[in-house]
């Protein structure tokens, strides 16, 4: 373990095992996300584009309030607004006014967006299998779920409800 001199002695530095676990997680997450980005780029989509398409394709009437989509995607509202603008230009989504809230808007999956997700989803699943699922045993997948679900749930509970960024 490396010791770094600091002005405060209250730092609880990571021991070798903790540091190895943390760095393994970070490096693996970065590699997995980079591979997913490369895979989506073959379809002229970003990973965020794909996430928006998935979220809208699974929503009732293939639409979500922008605030709900921001929370789902863990994006700031302003970043989501720019994302939706880019996807509108590509014909994948459109905005729709919310009749019950003049300030609210929905993001709605267009027919072209629906066809895109139907076309790209099989490739995405193959990619997820090849870079993640197939490299683990069924028991390891259960362990990962048991490890990360409580962490995810706890962290999501701390997210501000009015802002998707956490």
Protein backbone atom coordinates (compact mmCIF):
# COMPACT_ATOMS: atom_id res chain seq x y z
CA UNK A 1 0.00 0.00 0.00
CA UNK A 2 1.31 3.46 -0.91
CA UNK A 3 1.26 6.12 1.79
CA UNK A 4 0.67 9.69 0.70
CA UNK A 5 1.36 12.58 3.04
CA UNK A 6 -1.70 14.77 3.49
CA UNK A 7 -2.73 17.68 5.64
CA UNK A 8 -5.32 15.51 7.32
CA UNK A 9 -4.54 12.23 9.02
CA UNK A 10 -8.20 11.18 9.01
CA UNK A 11 -8.05 9.58 5.56
CA UNK A 12 -8.83 5.88 5.64
CA UNK A 13 -6.65 4.79 2.72
CA UNK A 14 -7.56 1.70 0.75
CA UNK A 15 -5.62 -1.40 1.67
CA UNK A 16 -4.14 -3.55 -1.10
CA UNK A 17 -7.24 -5.78 -1.43
CA UNK A 18 -9.63 -2.81 -1.45
CA UNK A 19 -7.53 -0.98 -4.03
CA UNK A 20 -7.30 -4.07 -6.23
CA UNK A 21 -11.08 -4.58 -6.07
CA UNK A 22 -11.80 -0.91 -6.79
CA UNK A 23 -9.39 -0.63 -9.70
CA UNK A 24 -10.58 -3.92 -11.17
CA UNK A 25 -14.16 -2.63 -11.06
CA UNK A 26 -13.26 0.76 -12.60
CA UNK A 27 -11.08 -0.65 -15.38
CA UNK A 28 -13.59 -3.36 -16.23
CA UNK A 29 -16.49 -0.89 -16.29
CA UNK A 30 -14.53 1.43 -18.60
CA UNK A 31 -13.60 -1.41 -20.95
CA UNK A 32 -17.16 -2.78 -21.08
CA UNK A 33 -18.63 0.67 -21.74
CA UNK A 34 -16.01 1.42 -24.42
CA UNK A 35 -16.85 -1.85 -26.20
CA UNK A 36 -20.56 -1.07 -26.03
CA UNK A 37 -19.90 2.41 -27.47
CA UNK A 38 -17.90 0.90 -30.33
CA UNK A 39 -20.67 -1.60 -31.00
CA UNK A 40 -23.35 1.08 -31.09
CA UNK A 41 -21.20 3.32 -33.30
CA UNK A 42 -21.56 0.66 -36.02
CA UNK A 43 -25.24 1.63 -36.06
CA UNK A 44 -24.58 5.39 -35.88
CA UNK A 45 -25.75 5.44 -32.26
CA UNK A 46 -24.06 6.29 -28.98
CA UNK A 47 -24.56 4.27 -25.85
CA UNK A 48 -26.78 7.06 -24.53
CA UNK A 49 -28.83 7.01 -27.75
CA UNK A 50 -29.36 3.30 -27.26
CA UNK A 51 -30.31 3.77 -23.60
CA UNK A 52 -32.93 6.37 -24.54
CA UNK A 53 -34.34 4.10 -27.24
CA UNK A 54 -34.56 1.18 -24.80
CA UNK A 55 -36.19 3.29 -22.10
CA UNK A 56 -38.81 4.68 -24.48
CA UNK A 57 -39.44 1.32 -26.17
CA UNK A 58 -40.27 -0.21 -22.77
CA UNK A 59 -42.47 2.68 -21.58
CA UNK A 60 -46.26 2.80 -21.91
CA UNK A 61 -47.19 4.33 -25.27
CA UNK A 62 -43.43 4.47 -25.97
CA UNK A 63 -43.14 7.81 -24.20
CA UNK A 64 -41.79 9.17 -20.93
CA UNK A 65 -41.83 12.56 -19.27
CA UNK A 66 -38.48 14.21 -19.78
CA UNK A 67 -37.93 14.41 -16.01
CA UNK A 68 -38.58 10.68 -15.63
CA UNK A 69 -36.30 9.86 -18.56
CA UNK A 70 -33.56 12.03 -17.01
CA UNK A 71 -33.83 10.05 -13.78
CA UNK A 72 -33.87 6.74 -15.61
CA UNK A 73 -30.81 7.67 -17.65
CA UNK A 74 -28.99 9.41 -14.77
CA UNK A 75 -28.65 12.56 -16.85
CA UNK A 76 -29.03 16.20 -15.93
CA UNK A 77 -32.14 17.67 -17.51
CA UNK A 78 -30.08 20.03 -19.67
CA UNK A 79 -27.91 17.19 -20.95
CA UNK A 80 -30.99 15.09 -21.70
CA UNK A 81 -32.54 18.03 -23.56
CA UNK A 82 -29.46 18.24 -25.82
CA UNK A 83 -29.53 14.46 -26.27
CA UNK A 84 -33.20 14.51 -27.28
CA UNK A 85 -32.56 17.40 -29.69
CA UNK A 86 -29.85 15.34 -31.45
CA UNK A 87 -32.12 12.30 -31.57
CA UNK A 88 -35.01 14.42 -32.92
CA UNK A 89 -32.77 15.56 -35.78
CA UNK A 90 -32.08 11.90 -36.54
CA UNK A 91 -35.83 11.17 -36.55
CA UNK A 92 -35.61 8.71 -33.63
CA UNK A 93 -37.70 10.61 -31.08
CA UNK A 94 -39.95 13.62 -30.87
CA UNK A 95 -41.09 15.88 -28.09
CA UNK A 96 -44.72 16.10 -27.10
CA UNK A 97 -46.35 18.65 -24.82
CA UNK A 98 -47.81 17.43 -21.56
CA UNK A 99 -51.48 18.41 -21.40
CA UNK A 100 -51.60 18.35 -17.59
CA UNK A 101 -48.43 20.43 -17.12
CA UNK A 102 -47.68 23.27 -19.54
CA UNK A 103 -43.99 23.19 -18.64
CA UNK A 104 -43.68 19.41 -18.92
CA UNK A 105 -42.76 17.51 -22.04
CA UNK A 106 -42.68 13.91 -23.12
CA UNK A 107 -39.99 12.23 -25.16
CA UNK A 108 -41.76 9.93 -27.62
CA UNK A 109 -40.27 7.14 -29.69
CA UNK A 110 -41.00 7.63 -33.39
CA UNK A 111 -41.70 4.81 -35.83
CA UNK A 112 -38.13 5.22 -37.10
CA UNK A 113 -36.84 5.01 -33.51
CA UNK A 114 -38.88 1.85 -32.96
CA UNK A 115 -37.50 0.27 -36.13
CA UNK A 116 -33.98 1.28 -35.07
CA UNK A 117 -34.26 -0.37 -31.66
CA UNK A 118 -35.76 -3.51 -33.23
CA UNK A 119 -32.86 -3.65 -35.70
CA UNK A 120 -30.05 -2.84 -33.24
CA UNK A 121 -31.22 -4.72 -30.12
CA UNK A 122 -30.15 -8.19 -31.35
CA UNK A 123 -26.64 -6.88 -32.06
CA UNK A 124 -26.55 -5.20 -28.65
CA UNK A 125 -27.54 -8.45 -26.92
CA UNK A 126 -24.84 -10.36 -28.82
CA UNK A 127 -22.32 -7.72 -27.79
CA UNK A 128 -23.35 -7.84 -24.12
CA UNK A 129 -23.09 -11.63 -24.21
CA UNK A 130 -19.65 -11.63 -25.83
CA UNK A 131 -18.04 -8.95 -23.66
CA UNK A 132 -19.74 -9.70 -20.35
CA UNK A 133 -22.25 -12.54 -19.85
CA UNK A 134 -20.34 -15.34 -21.61
CA UNK A 135 -17.14 -14.56 -19.70
CA UNK A 136 -18.80 -15.37 -16.37
CA UNK A 137 -20.24 -18.52 -14.90
CA UNK A 138 -23.91 -18.61 -13.91
CA UNK A 139 -22.79 -18.54 -10.26
CA UNK A 140 -20.64 -15.46 -10.89
CA UNK A 141 -23.64 -13.72 -12.47
CA UNK A 142 -25.71 -14.48 -9.37
CA UNK A 143 -22.89 -13.13 -7.19
CA UNK A 144 -22.63 -9.95 -9.23
CA UNK A 145 -26.36 -9.41 -8.93
CA UNK A 146 -26.21 -9.99 -5.18
CA UNK A 147 -23.30 -7.55 -4.85
CA UNK A 148 -24.47 -4.75 -7.09
CA UNK A 149 -28.23 -4.68 -6.59
CA UNK A 150 -28.05 -3.38 -2.99
CA UNK A 151 -25.33 -0.89 -3.97
CA UNK A 152 -27.35 0.33 -6.94
CA UNK A 153 -30.56 0.54 -4.90
CA UNK A 154 -28.88 2.48 -2.11
CA UNK A 155 -27.20 4.93 -4.46
CA UNK A 156 -30.37 5.49 -6.53
CA UNK A 157 -32.28 6.25 -3.33
CA UNK A 158 -29.84 9.10 -2.70
CA UNK A 159 -30.44 10.69 -6.11
CA UNK A 160 -32.33 13.97 -5.99
CA UNK A 161 -35.78 13.40 -7.45
CA UNK A 162 -35.78 16.63 -9.44
CA UNK A 163 -32.43 16.06 -11.09
CA UNK A 164 -31.37 12.94 -12.93
CA UNK A 165 -27.68 13.51 -12.33
CA UNK A 166 -26.47 11.62 -9.31
